[in-house]
Amino acid sequence: MRKRLTVGLGIMATVLTVAVAAQTDVTGKWNMTFDSEAGSTSATLTLTQDGEKLTGEMVSEQGTFEFEGAITGDKLAWVMEIDAGGAFIEITIEGTVDGDEMMGTADFGGYGGGDWTATRIP
């Protein structure tokens, strides 16, 4: 009985170690596309991940925006504040990661929203 318990605990410890090691890592550069009622916009996204803390920069025709967010498992989220001609708007980004692809939704601070996708730049 004691031998079975030891083997069972060893297997559980191995599985938990693999699960922790398999944490999604989004660090790097990504090609990002926003699709909304106003059309499609492209951006380059640079992400740095430290555990569940996410920091990044998004560069598009509208400018460069830095942000902080979080990633838990395959779910990520962040908020960016942009200056829209003197009025500051919070853009909330939420999504999921699947390998070298991400997708999700964007809320443009009550001024509409849309979907987004991103692919990792090798």
PDB file of N, CA and C in Angstrom:
ATOM      1  N   MET A   1       0.830  -1.198   0.000  1.00  0.00           N
ATOM      2  CA  MET A   1       0.000   0.000   0.000  1.00  0.00           C
ATOM      3  C   MET A   1       0.870   1.255   0.000  1.00  0.00           C
ATOM      4  N   ARG A   2       1.897   1.247   0.816  1.00  0.00           N
ATOM      5  CA  ARG A   2       2.779   2.400   0.922  1.00  0.00           C
ATOM      6  C   ARG A   2       3.491   2.645  -0.408  1.00  0.00           C
ATOM      7  N   LYS A   3       3.868   1.557  -1.101  1.00  0.00           N
ATOM      8  CA  LYS A   3       4.548   1.667  -2.398  1.00  0.00           C
ATOM      9  C   LYS A   3       3.620   2.320  -3.431  1.00  0.00           C
ATOM     10  N   ARG A   4       2.348   1.933  -3.448  1.00  0.00           N
ATOM     11  CA  ARG A   4       1.377   2.522  -4.385  1.00  0.00           C
ATOM     12  C   ARG A   4       1.200   4.008  -4.127  1.00  0.00           C
ATOM     13  N   LEU A   5       1.130   4.374  -2.857  1.00  0.00           N
ATOM     14  CA  LEU A   5       0.967   5.772  -2.483  1.00  0.00           C
ATOM     15  C   LEU A   5       2.173   6.588  -2.947  1.00  0.00           C
ATOM     16  N   THR A   6       3.365   6.056  -2.762  1.00  0.00           N
ATOM     17  CA  THR A   6       4.583   6.749  -3.172  1.00  0.00           C
ATOM     18  C   THR A   6       4.613   6.917  -4.686  1.00  0.00           C
ATOM     19  N   VAL A   7       4.278   5.863  -5.417  1.00  0.00           N
ATOM     20  CA  VAL A   7       4.242   5.933  -6.883  1.00  0.00           C
ATOM     21  C   VAL A   7       3.180   6.928  -7.329  1.00  0.00           C
ATOM     22  N   GLY A   8       2.015   6.880  -6.706  1.00  0.00           N
ATOM     23  CA  GLY A   8       0.931   7.806  -7.062  1.00  0.00           C
ATOM     24  C   GLY A   8       1.313   9.257  -6.825  1.00  0.00           C
ATOM     25  N   LEU A   9       1.963   9.534  -5.681  1.00  0.00           N
ATOM     26  CA  LEU A   9       2.404  10.899  -5.395  1.00  0.00           C
ATOM     27  C   LEU A   9       3.491  11.341  -6.377  1.00  0.00           C
ATOM     28  N   GLY A  10       4.368  10.418  -6.752  1.00  0.00           N
ATOM     29  CA  GLY A  10       5.411  10.742  -7.732  1.00  0.00           C
ATOM     30  C   GLY A  10       4.820  11.114  -9.077  1.00  0.00           C
ATOM     31  N   ILE A  11       3.818  10.390  -9.505  1.00  0.00           N
ATOM     32  CA  ILE A  11       3.147  10.683 -10.782  1.00  0.00           C
ATOM     33  C   ILE A  11       2.452  12.030 -10.707  1.00  0.00           C
ATOM     34  N   MET A  12       1.758  12.304  -9.593  1.00  0.00           N
ATOM     35  CA  MET A  12       1.073  13.590  -9.448  1.00  0.00           C
ATOM     36  C   MET A  12       2.063  14.745  -9.475  1.00  0.00           C
ATOM     37  N   ALA A  13       3.203  14.598  -8.799  1.00  0.00           N
ATOM     38  CA  ALA A  13       4.215  15.652  -8.779  1.00  0.00           C
ATOM     39  C   ALA A  13       4.752  15.902 -10.178  1.00  0.00           C
ATOM     40  N   THR A  14       4.958  14.852 -10.965  1.00  0.00           N
ATOM     41  CA  THR A  14       5.440  14.998 -12.345  1.00  0.00           C
ATOM     42  C   THR A  14       4.418  15.725 -13.199  1.00  0.00           C
ATOM     43  N   VAL A  15       3.158  15.347 -13.082  1.00  0.00           N
ATOM     44  CA  VAL A  15       2.099  15.993 -13.858  1.00  0.00           C
ATOM     45  C   VAL A  15       1.996  17.471 -13.505  1.00  0.00           C
ATOM     46  N   LEU A  16       2.045  17.809 -12.223  1.00  0.00           N
ATOM     47  CA  LEU A  16       1.962  19.206 -11.806  1.00  0.00           C
ATOM     48  C   LEU A  16       3.169  20.000 -12.300  1.00  0.00           C
ATOM     49  N   THR A  17       4.353  19.406 -12.280  1.00  0.00           N
ATOM     50  CA  THR A  17       5.546  20.082 -12.773  1.00  0.00           C
ATOM     51  C   THR A  17       5.414  20.378 -14.261  1.00  0.00           C
ATOM     52  N   VAL A  18       4.930  19.421 -15.030  1.00  0.00           N
ATOM     53  CA  VAL A  18       4.735  19.629 -16.473  1.00  0.00           C
ATOM     54  C   VAL A  18       3.693  20.702 -16.710  1.00  0.00           C
ATOM     55  N   ALA A  19       2.608  20.719 -15.939  1.00  0.00           N
ATOM     56  CA  ALA A  19       1.556  21.725 -16.107  1.00  0.00           C
ATOM     57  C   ALA A  19       2.091  23.121 -15.825  1.00  0.00           C
ATOM     58  N   VAL A  20       2.904  23.288 -14.787  1.00  0.00           N
ATOM     59  CA  VAL A  20       3.468  24.592 -14.470  1.00  0.00           C
ATOM     60  C   VAL A  20       4.451  25.008 -15.559  1.00  0.00           C
ATOM     61  N   ALA A  21       5.274  24.077 -16.035  1.00  0.00           N
ATOM     62  CA  ALA A  21       6.246  24.383 -17.079  1.00  0.00           C
ATOM     63  C   ALA A  21       5.565  24.726 -18.394  1.00  0.00           C
ATOM     64  N   ALA A  22       4.335  24.271 -18.583  1.00  0.00           N
ATOM     65  CA  ALA A  22       3.619  24.504 -19.836  1.00  0.00           C
ATOM     66  C   ALA A  22       2.902  25.848 -19.862  1.00  0.00           C
ATOM     67  N   GLN A  23       3.159  26.727 -18.877  1.00  0.00           N
ATOM     68  CA  GLN A  23       2.555  28.056 -18.855  1.00  0.00           C
ATOM     69  C   GLN A  23       2.763  28.731 -20.204  1.00  0.00           C
ATOM     70  N   THR A  24       1.740  29.298 -20.736  1.00  0.00           N
ATOM     71  CA  THR A  24       1.805  29.997 -22.004  1.00  0.00           C
ATOM     72  C   THR A  24       2.801  31.143 -21.917  1.00  0.00           C
ATOM     73  N   ASP A  25       3.677  31.259 -22.913  1.00  0.00           N
ATOM     74  CA  ASP A  25       4.649  32.349 -22.949  1.00  0.00           C
ATOM     75  C   ASP A  25       4.397  33.166 -24.213  1.00  0.00           C
ATOM     76  N   VAL A  26       4.011  34.417 -24.026  1.00  0.00           N
ATOM     77  CA  VAL A  26       3.690  35.286 -25.168  1.00  0.00           C
ATOM     78  C   VAL A  26       4.791  36.306 -25.461  1.00  0.00           C
ATOM     79  N   THR A  27       5.920  36.187 -24.759  1.00  0.00           N
ATOM     80  CA  THR A  27       7.022  37.122 -24.969  1.00  0.00           C
ATOM     81  C   THR A  27       7.446  37.124 -26.435  1.00  0.00           C
ATOM     82  N   GLY A  28       7.592  38.326 -26.998  1.00  0.00           N
ATOM     83  CA  GLY A  28       8.046  38.450 -28.375  1.00  0.00           C
ATOM     84  C   GLY A  28       7.217  39.450 -29.159  1.00  0.00           C
ATOM     85  N   LYS A  29       7.420  39.440 -30.475  1.00  0.00           N
ATOM     86  CA  LYS A  29       6.700  40.347 -31.373  1.00  0.00           C
ATOM     87  C   LYS A  29       5.578  39.612 -32.080  1.00  0.00           C
ATOM     88  N   TRP A  30       4.481  40.356 -32.301  1.00  0.00           N
ATOM     89  CA  TRP A  30       3.279  39.789 -32.909  1.00  0.00           C
ATOM     90  C   TRP A  30       2.735  40.764 -33.948  1.00  0.00           C
ATOM     91  N   ASN A  31       2.239  40.234 -35.069  1.00  0.00           N
ATOM     92  CA  ASN A  31       1.470  41.026 -36.033  1.00  0.00           C
ATOM     93  C   ASN A  31       0.017  40.971 -35.582  1.00  0.00           C
ATOM     94  N   MET A  32      -0.585  42.136 -35.380  1.00  0.00           N
ATOM     95  CA  MET A  32      -1.934  42.216 -34.823  1.00  0.00           C
ATOM     96  C   MET A  32      -2.850  42.937 -35.801  1.00  0.00           C
ATOM     97  N   THR A  33      -4.098  42.479 -35.893  1.00  0.00           N
ATOM     98  CA  THR A  33      -5.106  43.121 -36.735  1.00  0.00           C
ATOM     99  C   THR A  33      -6.388  43.314 -35.935  1.00  0.00           C
ATOM    100  N   PHE A  34      -6.901  44.549 -35.935  1.00  0.00           N
ATOM    101  CA  PHE A  34      -8.187  44.867 -35.319  1.00  0.00           C
ATOM    102  C   PHE A  34      -9.222  44.975 -36.416  1.00  0.00           C
ATOM    103  N   ASP A  35     -10.381  44.354 -36.226  1.00  0.00           N
ATOM    104  CA  ASP A  35     -11.505  44.488 -37.142  1.00  0.00           C
ATOM    105  C   ASP A  35     -12.678  45.079 -36.374  1.00  0.00           C
ATOM    106  N   SER A  36     -13.172  46.235 -36.848  1.00  0.00           N
ATOM    107  CA  SER A  36     -14.303  46.892 -36.194  1.00  0.00           C
ATOM    108  C   SER A  36     -15.234  47.447 -37.260  1.00  0.00           C
ATOM    109  N   GLU A  37     -16.286  48.124 -36.808  1.00  0.00           N
ATOM    110  CA  GLU A  37     -17.234  48.740 -37.735  1.00  0.00           C
ATOM    111  C   GLU A  37     -16.534  49.769 -38.621  1.00  0.00           C
ATOM    112  N   ALA A  38     -15.454  50.369 -38.124  1.00  0.00           N
ATOM    113  CA  ALA A  38     -14.730  51.412 -38.858  1.00  0.00           C
ATOM    114  C   ALA A  38     -13.736  50.830 -39.872  1.00  0.00           C
ATOM    115  N   GLY A  39     -13.539  49.520 -39.859  1.00  0.00           N
ATOM    116  CA  GLY A  39     -12.610  48.894 -40.783  1.00  0.00           C
ATOM    117  C   GLY A  39     -11.548  48.084 -40.066  1.00  0.00           C
ATOM    118  N   SER A  40     -10.469  47.819 -40.788  1.00  0.00           N
ATOM    119  CA  SER A  40      -9.390  46.988 -40.268  1.00  0.00           C
ATOM    120  C   SER A  40      -8.146  47.832 -40.025  1.00  0.00           C
ATOM    121  N   THR A  41      -7.468  47.594 -38.914  1.00  0.00           N
ATOM    122  CA  THR A  41      -6.247  48.310 -38.556  1.00  0.00           C
ATOM    123  C   THR A  41      -5.183  47.307 -38.159  1.00  0.00           C
ATOM    124  N   SER A  42      -3.960  47.515 -38.651  1.00  0.00           N
ATOM    125  CA  SER A  42      -2.842  46.635 -38.316  1.00  0.00           C
ATOM    126  C   SER A  42      -1.931  47.298 -37.298  1.00  0.00           C
ATOM    127  N   ALA A  43      -1.255  46.467 -36.512  1.00  0.00           N
ATOM    128  CA  ALA A  43      -0.313  46.962 -35.508  1.00  0.00           C
ATOM    129  C   ALA A  43       0.752  45.903 -35.263  1.00  0.00           C
ATOM    130  N   THR A  44       1.866  46.349 -34.705  1.00  0.00           N
ATOM    131  CA  THR A  44       2.899  45.424 -34.228  1.00  0.00           C
ATOM    132  C   THR A  44       2.861  45.462 -32.710  1.00  0.00           C
ATOM    133  N   LEU A  45       2.771  44.302 -32.134  1.00  0.00           N
ATOM    134  CA  LEU A  45       2.644  44.156 -30.693  1.00  0.00           C
ATOM    135  C   LEU A  45       3.929  43.526 -30.163  1.00  0.00           C
ATOM    136  N   THR A  46       4.531  44.139 -29.152  1.00  0.00           N
ATOM    137  CA  THR A  46       5.708  43.573 -28.497  1.00  0.00           C
ATOM    138  C   THR A  46       5.343  43.300 -27.052  1.00  0.00           C
ATOM    139  N   LEU A  47       5.461  42.035 -26.644  1.00  0.00           N
ATOM    140  CA  LEU A  47       5.052  41.626 -25.302  1.00  0.00           C
ATOM    141  C   LEU A  47       6.229  41.072 -24.508  1.00  0.00           C
ATOM    142  N   THR A  48       6.216  41.346 -23.204  1.00  0.00           N
ATOM    143  CA  THR A  48       7.157  40.770 -22.257  1.00  0.00           C
ATOM    144  C   THR A  48       6.345  40.176 -21.123  1.00  0.00           C
ATOM    145  N   GLN A  49       6.658  38.950 -20.777  1.00  0.00           N
ATOM    146  CA  GLN A  49       5.909  38.253 -19.741  1.00  0.00           C
ATOM    147  C   GLN A  49       6.842  37.861 -18.605  1.00  0.00           C
ATOM    148  N   ASP A  50       6.397  38.123 -17.379  1.00  0.00           N
ATOM    149  CA  ASP A  50       7.108  37.714 -16.176  1.00  0.00           C
ATOM    150  C   ASP A  50       6.089  37.029 -15.277  1.00  0.00           C
ATOM    151  N   GLY A  51       5.996  35.717 -15.366  1.00  0.00           N
ATOM    152  CA  GLY A  51       4.951  34.980 -14.650  1.00  0.00           C
ATOM    153  C   GLY A  51       3.601  35.350 -15.233  1.00  0.00           C
ATOM    154  N   GLU A  52       2.720  35.909 -14.411  1.00  0.00           N
ATOM    155  CA  GLU A  52       1.402  36.326 -14.889  1.00  0.00           C
ATOM    156  C   GLU A  52       1.361  37.807 -15.245  1.00  0.00           C
ATOM    157  N   LYS A  53       2.465  38.528 -15.038  1.00  0.00           N
ATOM    158  CA  LYS A  53       2.524  39.954 -15.374  1.00  0.00           C
ATOM    159  C   LYS A  53       2.897  40.108 -16.849  1.00  0.00           C
ATOM    160  N   LEU A  54       2.182  40.981 -17.505  1.00  0.00           N
ATOM    161  CA  LEU A  54       2.369  41.220 -18.927  1.00  0.00           C
ATOM    162  C   LEU A  54       2.619  42.711 -19.139  1.00  0.00           C
ATOM    163  N   THR A  55       3.666  43.050 -19.865  1.00  0.00           N
ATOM    164  CA  THR A  55       3.903  44.436 -20.261  1.00  0.00           C
ATOM    165  C   THR A  55       4.101  44.441 -21.762  1.00  0.00           C
ATOM    166  N   GLY A  56       3.794  45.579 -22.375  1.00  0.00           N
ATOM    167  CA  GLY A  56       3.932  45.601 -23.815  1.00  0.00           C
ATOM    168  C   GLY A  56       3.847  46.971 -24.431  1.00  0.00           C
ATOM    169  N   GLU A  57       3.989  46.939 -25.743  1.00  0.00           N
ATOM    170  CA  GLU A  57       3.919  48.144 -26.551  1.00  0.00           C
ATOM    171  C   GLU A  57       3.234  47.776 -27.867  1.00  0.00           C
ATOM    172  N   MET A  58       2.299  48.607 -28.267  1.00  0.00           N
ATOM    173  CA  MET A  58       1.620  48.422 -29.537  1.00  0.00           C
ATOM    174  C   MET A  58       1.932  49.625 -30.419  1.00  0.00           C
ATOM    175  N   VAL A  59       2.403  49.351 -31.637  1.00  0.00           N
ATOM    176  CA  VAL A  59       2.740  50.408 -32.586  1.00  0.00           C
ATOM    177  C   VAL A  59       1.825  50.260 -33.798  1.00  0.00           C
ATOM    178  N   SER A  60       1.093  51.351 -34.101  1.00  0.00           N
ATOM    179  CA  SER A  60       0.202  51.365 -35.259  1.00  0.00           C
ATOM    180  C   SER A  60       0.259  52.746 -35.910  1.00  0.00           C
ATOM    181  N   GLU A  61      -0.539  52.959 -36.938  1.00  0.00           N
ATOM    182  CA  GLU A  61      -0.613  54.271 -37.582  1.00  0.00           C
ATOM    183  C   GLU A  61      -1.078  55.351 -36.604  1.00  0.00           C
ATOM    184  N   GLN A  62      -1.807  54.945 -35.563  1.00  0.00           N
ATOM    185  CA  GLN A  62      -2.326  55.885 -34.574  1.00  0.00           C
ATOM    186  C   GLN A  62      -1.284  56.277 -33.527  1.00  0.00           C
ATOM    187  N   GLY A  63      -0.130  55.598 -33.512  1.00  0.00           N
ATOM    188  CA  GLY A  63       0.917  55.930 -32.556  1.00  0.00           C
ATOM    189  C   GLY A  63       1.450  54.714 -31.832  1.00  0.00           C
ATOM    190  N   THR A  64       2.211  54.981 -30.773  1.00  0.00           N
ATOM    191  CA  THR A  64       2.812  53.944 -29.941  1.00  0.00           C
ATOM    192  C   THR A  64       2.156  53.998 -28.568  1.00  0.00           C
ATOM    193  N   PHE A  65       1.701  52.847 -28.100  1.00  0.00           N
ATOM    194  CA  PHE A  65       0.971  52.771 -26.836  1.00  0.00           C
ATOM    195  C   PHE A  65       1.596  51.702 -25.951  1.00  0.00           C
ATOM    196  N   GLU A  66       1.990  52.088 -24.742  1.00  0.00           N
ATOM    197  CA  GLU A  66       2.535  51.143 -23.773  1.00  0.00           C
ATOM    198  C   GLU A  66       1.434  50.731 -22.808  1.00  0.00           C
ATOM    199  N   PHE A  67       1.562  49.520 -22.272  1.00  0.00           N
ATOM    200  CA  PHE A  67       0.519  49.025 -21.374  1.00  0.00           C
ATOM    201  C   PHE A  67       1.070  47.960 -20.437  1.00  0.00           C
ATOM    202  N   GLU A  68       0.276  47.671 -19.396  1.00  0.00           N
ATOM    203  CA  GLU A  68       0.510  46.559 -18.488  1.00  0.00           C
ATOM    204  C   GLU A  68      -0.768  45.746 -18.418  1.00  0.00           C
ATOM    205  N   GLY A  69      -0.609  44.455 -18.247  1.00  0.00           N
ATOM    206  CA  GLY A  69      -1.766  43.582 -18.171  1.00  0.00           C
ATOM    207  C   GLY A  69      -1.420  42.312 -17.441  1.00  0.00           C
ATOM    208  N   ALA A  70      -2.205  41.269 -17.706  1.00  0.00           N
ATOM    209  CA  ALA A  70      -2.013  39.992 -17.029  1.00  0.00           C
ATOM    210  C   ALA A  70      -2.315  38.845 -17.975  1.00  0.00           C
ATOM    211  N   ILE A  71      -1.682  37.714 -17.703  1.00  0.00           N
ATOM    212  CA  ILE A  71      -1.966  36.481 -18.422  1.00  0.00           C
ATOM    213  C   ILE A  71      -2.104  35.368 -17.396  1.00  0.00           C
ATOM    214  N   THR A  72      -3.179  34.625 -17.506  1.00  0.00           N
ATOM    215  CA  THR A  72      -3.427  33.488 -16.628  1.00  0.00           C
ATOM    216  C   THR A  72      -3.812  32.318 -17.521  1.00  0.00           C
ATOM    217  N   GLY A  73      -2.965  31.284 -17.515  1.00  0.00           N
ATOM    218  CA  GLY A  73      -3.212  30.157 -18.420  1.00  0.00           C
ATOM    219  C   GLY A  73      -3.126  30.640 -19.849  1.00  0.00           C
ATOM    220  N   ASP A  74      -4.205  30.466 -20.598  1.00  0.00           N
ATOM    221  CA  ASP A  74      -4.220  30.934 -21.988  1.00  0.00           C
ATOM    222  C   ASP A  74      -5.039  32.214 -22.161  1.00  0.00           C
ATOM    223  N   LYS A  75      -5.449  32.842 -21.059  1.00  0.00           N
ATOM    224  CA  LYS A  75      -6.243  34.078 -21.101  1.00  0.00           C
ATOM    225  C   LYS A  75      -5.361  35.280 -20.803  1.00  0.00           C
ATOM    226  N   LEU A  76      -5.502  36.342 -21.601  1.00  0.00           N
ATOM    227  CA  LEU A  76      -4.744  37.554 -21.347  1.00  0.00           C
ATOM    228  C   LEU A  76      -5.640  38.773 -21.477  1.00  0.00           C
ATOM    229  N   ALA A  77      -5.219  39.855 -20.817  1.00  0.00           N
ATOM    230  CA  ALA A  77      -5.990  41.099 -20.848  1.00  0.00           C
ATOM    231  C   ALA A  77      -5.075  42.265 -20.509  1.00  0.00           C
ATOM    232  N   TRP A  78      -5.369  43.416 -21.132  1.00  0.00           N
ATOM    233  CA  TRP A  78      -4.659  44.645 -20.784  1.00  0.00           C
ATOM    234  C   TRP A  78      -5.515  45.838 -21.165  1.00  0.00           C
ATOM    235  N   VAL A  79      -5.154  47.001 -20.614  1.00  0.00           N
ATOM    236  CA  VAL A  79      -5.864  48.243 -20.894  1.00  0.00           C
ATOM    237  C   VAL A  79      -4.846  49.267 -21.359  1.00  0.00           C
ATOM    238  N   MET A  80      -5.189  49.972 -22.444  1.00  0.00           N
ATOM    239  CA  MET A  80      -4.348  51.055 -22.962  1.00  0.00           C
ATOM    240  C   MET A  80      -5.148  52.339 -22.907  1.00  0.00           C
ATOM    241  N   GLU A  81      -4.477  53.429 -22.615  1.00  0.00           N
ATOM    242  CA  GLU A  81      -5.133  54.733 -22.634  1.00  0.00           C
ATOM    243  C   GLU A  81      -4.572  55.513 -23.811  1.00  0.00           C
ATOM    244  N   ILE A  82      -5.481  55.993 -24.681  1.00  0.00           N
ATOM    245  CA  ILE A  82      -5.037  56.762 -25.839  1.00  0.00           C
ATOM    246  C   ILE A  82      -5.629  58.168 -25.801  1.00  0.00           C
ATOM    247  N   ASP A  83      -4.907  59.078 -26.385  1.00  0.00           N
ATOM    248  CA  ASP A  83      -5.345  60.460 -26.488  1.00  0.00           C
ATOM    249  C   ASP A  83      -6.037  60.616 -27.838  1.00  0.00           C
ATOM    250  N   ALA A  84      -7.333  60.808 -27.806  1.00  0.00           N
ATOM    251  CA  ALA A  84      -8.120  60.976 -29.032  1.00  0.00           C
ATOM    252  C   ALA A  84      -8.488  62.449 -29.167  1.00  0.00           C
ATOM    253  N   GLY A  85      -7.503  63.263 -29.516  1.00  0.00           N
ATOM    254  CA  GLY A  85      -7.748  64.690 -29.691  1.00  0.00           C
ATOM    255  C   GLY A  85      -8.088  65.409 -28.402  1.00  0.00           C
ATOM    256  N   GLY A  86      -7.399  65.084 -27.321  1.00  0.00           N
ATOM    257  CA  GLY A  86      -7.655  65.738 -26.037  1.00  0.00           C
ATOM    258  C   GLY A  86      -8.569  64.951 -25.121  1.00  0.00           C
ATOM    259  N   ALA A  87      -9.309  64.007 -25.652  1.00  0.00           N
ATOM    260  CA  ALA A  87     -10.155  63.134 -24.834  1.00  0.00           C
ATOM    261  C   ALA A  87      -9.440  61.793 -24.689  1.00  0.00           C
ATOM    262  N   PHE A  88      -9.226  61.359 -23.452  1.00  0.00           N
ATOM    263  CA  PHE A  88      -8.542  60.096 -23.220  1.00  0.00           C
ATOM    264  C   PHE A  88      -9.549  58.957 -23.199  1.00  0.00           C
ATOM    265  N   ILE A  89      -9.234  57.910 -23.937  1.00  0.00           N
ATOM    266  CA  ILE A  89     -10.114  56.748 -24.058  1.00  0.00           C
ATOM    267  C   ILE A  89      -9.354  55.520 -23.587  1.00  0.00           C
ATOM    268  N   GLU A  90     -10.001  54.711 -22.738  1.00  0.00           N
ATOM    269  CA  GLU A  90      -9.425  53.446 -22.306  1.00  0.00           C
ATOM    270  C   GLU A  90      -9.870  52.349 -23.267  1.00  0.00           C
ATOM    271  N   ILE A  91      -8.901  51.663 -23.830  1.00  0.00           N
ATOM    272  CA  ILE A  91      -9.183  50.531 -24.702  1.00  0.00           C
ATOM    273  C   ILE A  91      -8.858  49.263 -23.925  1.00  0.00           C
ATOM    274  N   THR A  92      -9.854  48.406 -23.771  1.00  0.00           N
ATOM    275  CA  THR A  92      -9.693  47.158 -23.038  1.00  0.00           C
ATOM    276  C   THR A  92      -9.567  46.011 -24.029  1.00  0.00           C
ATOM    277  N   ILE A  93      -8.478  45.266 -23.900  1.00  0.00           N
ATOM    278  CA  ILE A  93      -8.190  44.138 -24.787  1.00  0.00           C
ATOM    279  C   ILE A  93      -8.263  42.856 -23.962  1.00  0.00           C
ATOM    280  N   GLU A  94      -9.011  41.880 -24.452  1.00  0.00           N
ATOM    281  CA  GLU A  94      -9.083  40.564 -23.817  1.00  0.00           C
ATOM    282  C   GLU A  94      -8.952  39.512 -24.896  1.00  0.00           C
ATOM    283  N   GLY A  95      -8.332  38.377 -24.552  1.00  0.00           N
ATOM    284  CA  GLY A  95      -8.195  37.337 -25.557  1.00  0.00           C
ATOM    285  C   GLY A  95      -7.639  36.042 -25.007  1.00  0.00           C
ATOM    286  N   THR A  96      -7.409  35.129 -25.933  1.00  0.00           N
ATOM    287  CA  THR A  96      -6.837  33.831 -25.612  1.00  0.00           C
ATOM    288  C   THR A  96      -5.651  33.554 -26.526  1.00  0.00           C
ATOM    289  N   VAL A  97      -4.746  32.737 -26.028  1.00  0.00           N
ATOM    290  CA  VAL A  97      -3.543  32.363 -26.754  1.00  0.00           C
ATOM    291  C   VAL A  97      -3.656  30.894 -27.127  1.00  0.00           C
ATOM    292  N   ASP A  98      -3.275  30.581 -28.374  1.00  0.00           N
ATOM    293  CA  ASP A  98      -3.225  29.203 -28.831  1.00  0.00           C
ATOM    294  C   ASP A  98      -1.938  29.039 -29.631  1.00  0.00           C
ATOM    295  N   GLY A  99      -0.861  28.695 -28.942  1.00  0.00           N
ATOM    296  CA  GLY A  99       0.436  28.550 -29.603  1.00  0.00           C
ATOM    297  C   GLY A  99       0.949  29.886 -30.111  1.00  0.00           C
ATOM    298  N   ASP A 100       1.124  29.991 -31.422  1.00  0.00           N
ATOM    299  CA  ASP A 100       1.636  31.214 -32.036  1.00  0.00           C
ATOM    300  C   ASP A 100       0.515  32.102 -32.580  1.00  0.00           C
ATOM    301  N   GLU A 101      -0.697  31.903 -32.079  1.00  0.00           N
ATOM    302  CA  GLU A 101      -1.842  32.713 -32.486  1.00  0.00           C
ATOM    303  C   GLU A 101      -2.597  33.192 -31.254  1.00  0.00           C
ATOM    304  N   MET A 102      -3.155  34.392 -31.369  1.00  0.00           N
ATOM    305  CA  MET A 102      -4.012  34.943 -30.324  1.00  0.00           C
ATOM    306  C   MET A 102      -5.241  35.528 -30.988  1.00  0.00           C
ATOM    307  N   MET A 103      -6.334  35.599 -30.238  1.00  0.00           N
ATOM    308  CA  MET A 103      -7.543  36.244 -30.733  1.00  0.00           C
ATOM    309  C   MET A 103      -8.378  36.717 -29.567  1.00  0.00           C
ATOM    310  N   GLY A 104      -9.199  37.723 -29.824  1.00  0.00           N
ATOM    311  CA  GLY A 104     -10.040  38.209 -28.746  1.00  0.00           C
ATOM    312  C   GLY A 104     -10.889  39.385 -29.163  1.00  0.00           C
ATOM    313  N   THR A 105     -11.286  40.165 -28.155  1.00  0.00           N
ATOM    314  CA  THR A 105     -12.151  41.313 -28.386  1.00  0.00           C
ATOM    315  C   THR A 105     -11.508  42.579 -27.831  1.00  0.00           C
ATOM    316  N   ALA A 106     -11.928  43.706 -28.392  1.00  0.00           N
ATOM    317  CA  ALA A 106     -11.459  45.018 -27.933  1.00  0.00           C
ATOM    318  C   ALA A 106     -12.673  45.892 -27.690  1.00  0.00           C
ATOM    319  N   ASP A 107     -12.656  46.610 -26.566  1.00  0.00           N
ATOM    320  CA  ASP A 107     -13.701  47.584 -26.238  1.00  0.00           C
ATOM    321  C   ASP A 107     -13.044  48.957 -26.280  1.00  0.00           C
ATOM    322  N   PHE A 108     -13.520  49.813 -27.168  1.00  0.00           N
ATOM    323  CA  PHE A 108     -12.932  51.132 -27.367  1.00  0.00           C
ATOM    324  C   PHE A 108     -13.572  52.174 -26.453  1.00  0.00           C
ATOM    325  N   GLY A 109     -13.606  51.887 -25.176  1.00  0.00           N
ATOM    326  CA  GLY A 109     -14.057  52.830 -24.164  1.00  0.00           C
ATOM    327  C   GLY A 109     -15.452  53.376 -24.389  1.00  0.00           C
ATOM    328  N   GLY A 110     -16.367  52.528 -24.815  1.00  0.00           N
ATOM    329  CA  GLY A 110     -17.738  52.969 -25.046  1.00  0.00           C
ATOM    330  C   GLY A 110     -17.969  53.550 -26.433  1.00  0.00           C
ATOM    331  N   TYR A 111     -16.914  53.581 -27.258  1.00  0.00           N
ATOM    332  CA  TYR A 111     -17.032  54.106 -28.622  1.00  0.00           C
ATOM    333  C   TYR A 111     -16.979  52.980 -29.645  1.00  0.00           C
ATOM    334  N   GLY A 112     -17.547  51.854 -29.294  1.00  0.00           N
ATOM    335  CA  GLY A 112     -17.545  50.712 -30.197  1.00  0.00           C
ATOM    336  C   GLY A 112     -16.559  49.660 -29.735  1.00  0.00           C
ATOM    337  N   GLY A 113     -16.323  48.732 -30.598  1.00  0.00           N
ATOM    338  CA  GLY A 113     -15.416  47.638 -30.270  1.00  0.00           C
ATOM    339  C   GLY A 113     -15.207  46.783 -31.494  1.00  0.00           C
ATOM    340  N   GLY A 114     -14.605  45.666 -31.288  1.00  0.00           N
ATOM    341  CA  GLY A 114     -14.358  44.768 -32.398  1.00  0.00           C
ATOM    342  C   GLY A 114     -13.571  43.555 -31.964  1.00  0.00           C
ATOM    343  N   ASP A 115     -13.136  42.818 -32.950  1.00  0.00           N
ATOM    344  CA  ASP A 115     -12.352  41.616 -32.721  1.00  0.00           C
ATOM    345  C   ASP A 115     -10.909  41.870 -33.136  1.00  0.00           C
ATOM    346  N   TRP A 116     -10.010  41.082 -32.608  1.00  0.00           N
ATOM    347  CA  TRP A 116      -8.610  41.184 -33.008  1.00  0.00           C
ATOM    348  C   TRP A 116      -8.000  39.794 -33.110  1.00  0.00           C
ATOM    349  N   THR A 117      -6.961  39.712 -33.934  1.00  0.00           N
ATOM    350  CA  THR A 117      -6.172  38.490 -34.062  1.00  0.00           C
ATOM    351  C   THR A 117      -4.708  38.892 -34.086  1.00  0.00           C
ATOM    352  N   ALA A 118      -3.833  37.971 -33.725  1.00  0.00           N
ATOM    353  CA  ALA A 118      -2.406  38.226 -33.770  1.00  0.00           C
ATOM    354  C   ALA A 118      -1.661  36.921 -34.038  1.00  0.00           C
ATOM    355  N   THR A 119      -0.573  37.037 -34.785  1.00  0.00           N
ATOM    356  CA  THR A 119       0.295  35.890 -35.033  1.00  0.00           C
ATOM    357  C   THR A 119       1.716  36.271 -34.651  1.00  0.00           C
ATOM    358  N   ARG A 120       2.413  35.330 -34.032  1.00  0.00           N
ATOM    359  CA  ARG A 120       3.790  35.572 -33.585  1.00  0.00           C
ATOM    360  C   ARG A 120       4.701  35.765 -34.788  1.00  0.00           C
ATOM    361  N   ILE A 121       5.602  36.743 -34.682  1.00  0.00           N
ATOM    362  CA  ILE A 121       6.612  36.975 -35.706  1.00  0.00           C
ATOM    363  C   ILE A 121       7.812  36.103 -35.342  1.00  0.00           C
ATOM    364  N   PRO A 122       8.201  35.187 -36.235  1.00  0.00           N
ATOM    365  CA  PRO A 122       9.323  34.280 -35.906  1.00  0.00           C
ATOM    366  C   PRO A 122      10.629  35.022 -35.719  1.00  0.00           C
TER     367      PRO A 122
END
